[in-house]
PDB file of N, CA and C in Angstrom:
ATOM      1  N   UNK A   1       3.869   7.819  -0.066  1.00  0.00           N
ATOM      2  CA  UNK A   1       5.095   7.353   1.020  1.00  0.00           C
ATOM      3  C   UNK A   1       5.361   7.957   2.205  1.00  0.00           C
ATOM      4  N   UNK A   2       5.448   9.553   2.109  1.00  0.00           N
ATOM      5  CA  UNK A   2       5.627  10.476   2.995  1.00  0.00           C
ATOM      6  C   UNK A   2       4.680  10.359   3.952  1.00  0.00           C
ATOM      7  N   UNK A   3       3.243  10.200   3.607  1.00  0.00           N
ATOM      8  CA  UNK A   3       2.125  10.426   4.247  1.00  0.00           C
ATOM      9  C   UNK A   3       2.385   9.093   5.195  1.00  0.00           C
ATOM     10  N   UNK A   4       2.502   7.999   4.805  1.00  0.00           N
ATOM     11  CA  UNK A   4       2.690   6.829   5.407  1.00  0.00           C
ATOM     12  C   UNK A   4       3.621   6.928   6.638  1.00  0.00           C
ATOM     13  N   UNK A   5       4.863   7.255   6.264  1.00  0.00           N
ATOM     14  CA  UNK A   5       5.675   7.657   7.295  1.00  0.00           C
ATOM     15  C   UNK A   5       5.481   8.698   8.334  1.00  0.00           C
ATOM     16  N   UNK A   6       4.789   9.397   7.879  1.00  0.00           N
ATOM     17  CA  UNK A   6       4.201  10.812   9.042  1.00  0.00           C
ATOM     18  C   UNK A   6       3.697   9.895   9.700  1.00  0.00           C
ATOM     19  N   UNK A   7       2.375   9.141   9.378  1.00  0.00           N
ATOM     20  CA  UNK A   7       1.226   8.748  10.116  1.00  0.00           C
ATOM     21  C   UNK A   7       1.924   7.659  11.008  1.00  0.00           C
ATOM     22  N   UNK A   8       2.956   6.819  10.916  1.00  0.00           N
ATOM     23  CA  UNK A   8       3.711   5.847  11.278  1.00  0.00           C
ATOM     24  C   UNK A   8       4.468   6.671  12.604  1.00  0.00           C
ATOM     25  N   UNK A   9       5.391   7.797  12.324  1.00  0.00           N
ATOM     26  CA  UNK A   9       5.896   8.425  13.311  1.00  0.00           C
ATOM     27  C   UNK A   9       5.045   8.966  14.273  1.00  0.00           C
ATOM     28  N   UNK A  10       3.750   9.058  14.064  1.00  0.00           N
ATOM     29  CA  UNK A  10       2.643   9.576  15.120  1.00  0.00           C
ATOM     30  C   UNK A  10       2.121   8.613  15.590  1.00  0.00           C
ATOM     31  N   UNK A  11       2.318   7.487  15.503  1.00  0.00           N
ATOM     32  CA  UNK A  11       1.648   6.236  15.964  1.00  0.00           C
ATOM     33  C   UNK A  11       0.284   5.588  15.297  1.00  0.00           C
ATOM     34  N   UNK A  12       0.266   6.109  14.250  1.00  0.00           N
ATOM     35  CA  UNK A  12      -1.057   5.600  13.343  1.00  0.00           C
ATOM     36  C   UNK A  12      -0.717   4.842  12.440  1.00  0.00           C
ATOM     37  N   UNK A  13      -1.095   3.271  12.381  1.00  0.00           N
ATOM     38  CA  UNK A  13      -0.210   2.324  11.580  1.00  0.00           C
ATOM     39  C   UNK A  13      -1.028   2.803  10.110  1.00  0.00           C
ATOM     40  N   UNK A  14      -0.190   2.261   9.118  1.00  0.00           N
ATOM     41  CA  UNK A  14      -0.558   2.676   7.793  1.00  0.00           C
ATOM     42  C   UNK A  14      -0.353   1.555   7.122  1.00  0.00           C
ATOM     43  N   UNK A  15      -0.641   1.415   5.693  1.00  0.00           N
ATOM     44  CA  UNK A  15      -0.458   0.515   4.598  1.00  0.00           C
ATOM     45  C   UNK A  15      -0.183   1.381   3.503  1.00  0.00           C
ATOM     46  N   UNK A  16       0.737   1.267   2.761  1.00  0.00           N
ATOM     47  CA  UNK A  16       1.207   1.840   1.422  1.00  0.00           C
ATOM     48  C   UNK A  16       0.131   0.820   0.230  1.00  0.00           C
ATOM     49  N   UNK A  17      -0.373   1.375  -0.525  1.00  0.00           N
ATOM     50  CA  UNK A  17      -1.525   0.541  -1.528  1.00  0.00           C
ATOM     51  C   UNK A  17      -1.409   1.331  -2.738  1.00  0.00           C
ATOM     52  N   UNK A  18      -0.755   0.610  -3.617  1.00  0.00           N
ATOM     53  CA  UNK A  18      -0.322   1.051  -5.324  1.00  0.00           C
ATOM     54  C   UNK A  18      -0.593  -0.215  -5.978  1.00  0.00           C
ATOM     55  N   UNK A  19      -0.846  -0.002  -7.365  1.00  0.00           N
ATOM     56  CA  UNK A  19      -1.034  -0.800  -8.347  1.00  0.00           C
ATOM     57  C   UNK A  19       0.701  -1.418  -8.751  1.00  0.00           C
ATOM     58  N   UNK A  20       0.872  -2.525  -9.210  1.00  0.00           N
ATOM     59  CA  UNK A  20       1.938  -3.429  -9.474  1.00  0.00           C
ATOM     60  C   UNK A  20       2.977  -2.458 -10.282  1.00  0.00           C
ATOM     61  N   UNK A  21       2.513  -1.524 -11.214  1.00  0.00           N
ATOM     62  CA  UNK A  21       3.212  -0.667 -11.905  1.00  0.00           C
ATOM     63  C   UNK A  21       4.403  -0.200 -11.066  1.00  0.00           C
ATOM     64  N   UNK A  22       3.881  -0.130  -9.771  1.00  0.00           N
ATOM     65  CA  UNK A  22       4.918   0.934  -9.111  1.00  0.00           C
ATOM     66  C   UNK A  22       5.761   0.418  -8.072  1.00  0.00           C
ATOM     67  N   UNK A  23       5.830  -1.078  -8.081  1.00  0.00           N
ATOM     68  CA  UNK A  23       6.536  -1.878  -6.984  1.00  0.00           C
ATOM     69  C   UNK A  23       7.983  -1.242  -6.929  1.00  0.00           C
ATOM     70  N   UNK A  24       8.442  -1.207  -8.114  1.00  0.00           N
ATOM     71  CA  UNK A  24      10.157  -0.558  -8.207  1.00  0.00           C
ATOM     72  C   UNK A  24      10.226   0.632  -7.663  1.00  0.00           C
ATOM     73  N   UNK A  25       9.293   1.520  -8.285  1.00  0.00           N
ATOM     74  CA  UNK A  25       9.327   2.846  -7.509  1.00  0.00           C
ATOM     75  C   UNK A  25       9.210   3.033  -6.018  1.00  0.00           C
ATOM     76  N   UNK A  26       8.276   2.357  -5.593  1.00  0.00           N
ATOM     77  CA  UNK A  26       7.759   2.253  -4.248  1.00  0.00           C
ATOM     78  C   UNK A  26       8.975   1.863  -3.234  1.00  0.00           C
ATOM     79  N   UNK A  27       9.906   0.808  -3.969  1.00  0.00           N
ATOM     80  CA  UNK A  27      10.940   0.534  -3.076  1.00  0.00           C
ATOM     81  C   UNK A  27      12.141   1.554  -3.223  1.00  0.00           C
ATOM     82  N   UNK A  28      12.453   2.024  -4.316  1.00  0.00           N
ATOM     83  CA  UNK A  28      13.142   3.024  -4.275  1.00  0.00           C
ATOM     84  C   UNK A  28      12.963   4.347  -3.680  1.00  0.00           C
ATOM     85  N   UNK A  29      11.587   4.524  -3.441  1.00  0.00           N
ATOM     86  CA  UNK A  29      11.158   5.526  -2.517  1.00  0.00           C
ATOM     87  C   UNK A  29      11.596   5.120  -1.044  1.00  0.00           C
ATOM     88  N   UNK A  30      11.033   4.137  -0.939  1.00  0.00           N
ATOM     89  CA  UNK A  30      11.266   3.807   0.912  1.00  0.00           C
ATOM     90  C   UNK A  30      12.965   3.843   1.094  1.00  0.00           C
ATOM     91  N   UNK A  31      13.828   3.188  -0.155  1.00  0.00           N
ATOM     92  CA  UNK A  31      14.896   3.276   0.575  1.00  0.00           C
ATOM     93  C   UNK A  31      15.948   4.569   0.667  1.00  0.00           C
ATOM     94  N   UNK A  32      15.048   5.544  -0.353  1.00  0.00           N
ATOM     95  CA  UNK A  32      15.571   7.157  -0.208  1.00  0.00           C
ATOM     96  C   UNK A  32      15.130   7.558   1.074  1.00  0.00           C
ATOM     97  N   UNK A  33      13.776   7.376   1.540  1.00  0.00           N
ATOM     98  CA  UNK A  33      13.777   8.090   2.672  1.00  0.00           C
ATOM     99  C   UNK A  33      13.817   7.387   4.262  1.00  0.00           C
ATOM    100  N   UNK A  34      14.507   6.057   3.941  1.00  0.00           N
ATOM    101  CA  UNK A  34      14.622   5.132   4.718  1.00  0.00           C
ATOM    102  C   UNK A  34      13.354   4.581   6.014  1.00  0.00           C
ATOM    103  N   UNK A  35      12.610   4.321   5.100  1.00  0.00           N
ATOM    104  CA  UNK A  35      11.398   3.810   5.921  1.00  0.00           C
ATOM    105  C   UNK A  35      10.978   2.590   5.143  1.00  0.00           C
ATOM    106  N   UNK A  36      10.389   1.564   5.397  1.00  0.00           N
ATOM    107  CA  UNK A  36       9.953   0.563   4.757  1.00  0.00           C
ATOM    108  C   UNK A  36       8.507   0.183   5.491  1.00  0.00           C
ATOM    109  N   UNK A  37       7.558   0.755   4.765  1.00  0.00           N
ATOM    110  CA  UNK A  37       5.960   0.753   5.160  1.00  0.00           C
ATOM    111  C   UNK A  37       5.613  -0.957   4.819  1.00  0.00           C
ATOM    112  N   UNK A  38       4.493  -0.976   5.494  1.00  0.00           N
ATOM    113  CA  UNK A  38       3.627  -1.989   5.027  1.00  0.00           C
ATOM    114  C   UNK A  38       3.170  -1.808   3.617  1.00  0.00           C
ATOM    115  N   UNK A  39       3.313  -2.946   2.561  1.00  0.00           N
ATOM    116  CA  UNK A  39       2.817  -2.302   1.404  1.00  0.00           C
ATOM    117  C   UNK A  39       1.880  -3.329   0.806  1.00  0.00           C
ATOM    118  N   UNK A  40       0.862  -3.161  -0.032  1.00  0.00           N
ATOM    119  CA  UNK A  40      -0.013  -4.139  -0.406  1.00  0.00           C
ATOM    120  C   UNK A  40      -0.066  -3.358  -2.199  1.00  0.00           C
ATOM    121  N   UNK A  41      -0.062  -4.343  -3.151  1.00  0.00           N
ATOM    122  CA  UNK A  41      -0.003  -4.262  -4.367  1.00  0.00           C
ATOM    123  C   UNK A  41      -1.331  -4.770  -4.979  1.00  0.00           C
ATOM    124  N   UNK A  42      -1.940  -4.175  -5.887  1.00  0.00           N
ATOM    125  CA  UNK A  42      -2.869  -4.656  -6.718  1.00  0.00           C
ATOM    126  C   UNK A  42      -2.716  -4.748  -8.227  1.00  0.00           C
ATOM    127  N   UNK A  43      -3.470  -5.345  -8.920  1.00  0.00           N
ATOM    128  CA  UNK A  43      -2.894  -5.501 -10.390  1.00  0.00           C
ATOM    129  C   UNK A  43      -3.209  -3.899 -10.930  1.00  0.00           C
ATOM    130  N   UNK A  44      -2.182  -3.950 -12.085  1.00  0.00           N
ATOM    131  CA  UNK A  44      -2.288  -2.508 -12.769  1.00  0.00           C
ATOM    132  C   UNK A  44      -3.086  -2.955 -14.222  1.00  0.00           C
ATOM    133  N   UNK A  45      -3.611  -2.164 -14.758  1.00  0.00           N
ATOM    134  CA  UNK A  45      -3.853  -0.596 -14.517  1.00  0.00           C
ATOM    135  C   UNK A  45      -5.177  -0.798 -13.560  1.00  0.00           C
ATOM    136  N   UNK A  46      -5.024   0.803 -13.101  1.00  0.00           N
ATOM    137  CA  UNK A  46      -6.274   1.027 -12.417  1.00  0.00           C
ATOM    138  C   UNK A  46      -6.936   2.093 -13.129  1.00  0.00           C
ATOM    139  N   UNK A  47      -6.421   3.018 -13.889  1.00  0.00           N
ATOM    140  CA  UNK A  47      -6.994   3.868 -14.757  1.00  0.00           C
ATOM    141  C   UNK A  47      -8.227   3.232 -15.596  1.00  0.00           C
ATOM    142  N   UNK A  48      -9.080   3.829 -15.992  1.00  0.00           N
ATOM    143  CA  UNK A  48     -10.225   3.264 -16.679  1.00  0.00           C
ATOM    144  C   UNK A  48     -11.081   1.973 -16.091  1.00  0.00           C
ATOM    145  N   UNK A  49     -10.730   1.458 -15.188  1.00  0.00           N
ATOM    146  CA  UNK A  49     -11.387   0.339 -14.327  1.00  0.00           C
ATOM    147  C   UNK A  49     -13.122   0.860 -14.434  1.00  0.00           C
ATOM    148  N   UNK A  50     -13.880  -0.176 -14.254  1.00  0.00           N
ATOM    149  CA  UNK A  50     -15.345  -0.068 -13.851  1.00  0.00           C
ATOM    150  C   UNK A  50     -15.406   0.271 -12.451  1.00  0.00           C
ATOM    151  N   UNK A  51     -16.546   0.760 -11.930  1.00  0.00           N
ATOM    152  CA  UNK A  51     -16.735   0.737 -10.574  1.00  0.00           C
ATOM    153  C   UNK A  51     -16.604  -0.936  -9.951  1.00  0.00           C
ATOM    154  N   UNK A  52     -17.311  -1.914 -10.834  1.00  0.00           N
ATOM    155  CA  UNK A  52     -17.479  -3.117 -10.280  1.00  0.00           C
ATOM    156  C   UNK A  52     -15.981  -3.704 -10.182  1.00  0.00           C
ATOM    157  N   UNK A  53     -15.206  -3.202 -11.534  1.00  0.00           N
ATOM    158  CA  UNK A  53     -13.616  -3.990 -11.210  1.00  0.00           C
ATOM    159  C   UNK A  53     -12.939  -3.210 -10.124  1.00  0.00           C
ATOM    160  N   UNK A  54     -13.141  -2.014  -9.678  1.00  0.00           N
ATOM    161  CA  UNK A  54     -12.405  -1.503  -8.703  1.00  0.00           C
ATOM    162  C   UNK A  54     -13.078  -2.386  -7.308  1.00  0.00           C
ATOM    163  N   UNK A  55     -14.286  -2.705  -7.393  1.00  0.00           N
ATOM    164  CA  UNK A  55     -14.820  -3.270  -5.958  1.00  0.00           C
ATOM    165  C   UNK A  55     -14.050  -4.944  -6.179  1.00  0.00           C
ATOM    166  N   UNK A  56     -14.016  -5.504  -7.117  1.00  0.00           N
ATOM    167  CA  UNK A  56     -13.254  -6.458  -7.089  1.00  0.00           C
ATOM    168  C   UNK A  56     -11.979  -6.621  -6.888  1.00  0.00           C
ATOM    169  N   UNK A  57     -11.229  -5.254  -7.162  1.00  0.00           N
ATOM    170  CA  UNK A  57      -9.632  -5.384  -6.621  1.00  0.00           C
ATOM    171  C   UNK A  57      -9.830  -5.027  -5.250  1.00  0.00           C
ATOM    172  N   UNK A  58     -10.703  -4.232  -4.516  1.00  0.00           N
ATOM    173  CA  UNK A  58     -10.812  -4.089  -3.192  1.00  0.00           C
ATOM    174  C   UNK A  58     -10.974  -4.914  -2.494  1.00  0.00           C
ATOM    175  N   UNK A  59     -12.057  -5.947  -3.202  1.00  0.00           N
ATOM    176  CA  UNK A  59     -12.497  -7.215  -2.257  1.00  0.00           C
ATOM    177  C   UNK A  59     -11.421  -8.374  -2.242  1.00  0.00           C
ATOM    178  N   UNK A  60     -10.374  -8.122  -3.273  1.00  0.00           N
ATOM    179  CA  UNK A  60      -9.356  -9.164  -3.216  1.00  0.00           C
ATOM    180  C   UNK A  60      -8.097  -8.593  -2.589  1.00  0.00           C
ATOM    181  N   UNK A  61      -7.841  -7.498  -2.329  1.00  0.00           N
ATOM    182  CA  UNK A  61      -6.708  -6.897  -1.565  1.00  0.00           C
ATOM    183  C   UNK A  61      -7.104  -6.849   0.097  1.00  0.00           C
ATOM    184  N   UNK A  62      -8.192  -6.567   0.338  1.00  0.00           N
ATOM    185  CA  UNK A  62      -8.943  -6.237   1.779  1.00  0.00           C
ATOM    186  C   UNK A  62      -7.921  -7.132   2.832  1.00  0.00           C
ATOM    187  N   UNK A  63      -7.960  -8.449   2.491  1.00  0.00           N
ATOM    188  CA  UNK A  63      -7.601  -9.358   3.310  1.00  0.00           C
ATOM    189  C   UNK A  63      -5.757  -9.079   3.686  1.00  0.00           C
ATOM    190  N   UNK A  64      -5.123  -8.648   2.560  1.00  0.00           N
ATOM    191  CA  UNK A  64      -4.061  -8.408   2.715  1.00  0.00           C
ATOM    192  C   UNK A  64      -3.690  -7.161   3.249  1.00  0.00           C
ATOM    193  N   UNK A  65      -4.498  -5.961   3.135  1.00  0.00           N
ATOM    194  CA  UNK A  65      -4.522  -4.625   3.581  1.00  0.00           C
ATOM    195  C   UNK A  65      -4.412  -4.776   5.265  1.00  0.00           C
ATOM    196  N   UNK A  66      -5.847  -5.584   5.732  1.00  0.00           N
ATOM    197  CA  UNK A  66      -5.834  -6.041   7.221  1.00  0.00           C
ATOM    198  C   UNK A  66      -4.733  -6.456   7.793  1.00  0.00           C
ATOM    199  N   UNK A  67      -4.142  -7.752   6.980  1.00  0.00           N
ATOM    200  CA  UNK A  67      -2.983  -8.282   7.764  1.00  0.00           C
ATOM    201  C   UNK A  67      -2.063  -7.380   7.898  1.00  0.00           C
ATOM    202  N   UNK A  68      -1.505  -6.409   7.005  1.00  0.00           N
ATOM    203  CA  UNK A  68      -0.523  -5.607   7.146  1.00  0.00           C
ATOM    204  C   UNK A  68      -0.802  -4.588   7.855  1.00  0.00           C
ATOM    205  N   UNK A  69      -1.996  -4.144   8.247  1.00  0.00           N
ATOM    206  CA  UNK A  69      -2.037  -3.030   9.405  1.00  0.00           C
ATOM    207  C   UNK A  69      -2.090  -3.629  10.822  1.00  0.00           C
ATOM    208  N   UNK A  70      -2.362  -4.776  10.821  1.00  0.00           N
ATOM    209  CA  UNK A  70      -2.675  -5.227  12.209  1.00  0.00           C
ATOM    210  C   UNK A  70      -1.333  -6.181  12.597  1.00  0.00           C
ATOM    211  N   UNK A  71      -0.570  -6.205  11.593  1.00  0.00           N
ATOM    212  CA  UNK A  71       1.145  -6.891  11.973  1.00  0.00           C
ATOM    213  C   UNK A  71       1.616  -6.091  12.887  1.00  0.00           C
ATOM    214  N   UNK A  72       2.569  -7.215  13.714  1.00  0.00           N
ATOM    215  CA  UNK A  72       3.297  -6.287  15.084  1.00  0.00           C
ATOM    216  C   UNK A  72       4.501  -5.567  13.777  1.00  0.00           C
ATOM    217  N   UNK A  73       4.895  -4.387  14.519  1.00  0.00           N
ATOM    218  CA  UNK A  73       5.739  -4.020  14.089  1.00  0.00           C
ATOM    219  C   UNK A  73       7.100  -4.628  13.745  1.00  0.00           C
ATOM    220  N   UNK A  74       7.975  -4.548  12.775  1.00  0.00           N
ATOM    221  CA  UNK A  74       8.906  -5.419  12.621  1.00  0.00           C
ATOM    222  C   UNK A  74       9.458  -5.172  11.680  1.00  0.00           C
TER     223      UNK A  74
END
């Protein structure tokens, strides 16, 4: 979260990407640092997934990531 905030402060758009297990934690941290980044969550768990499963998760998330990173600030 801090990395995305730093990039955004430098004018570099970013998207916070995590698994659904971290939705509440991401919101809590965003509130704590006063920054609400674009976020995309993928199904949990990530650990122990095969390469093919990870590619499938990435394929399923790419449109949301691209939409989030190209959306106008606001």
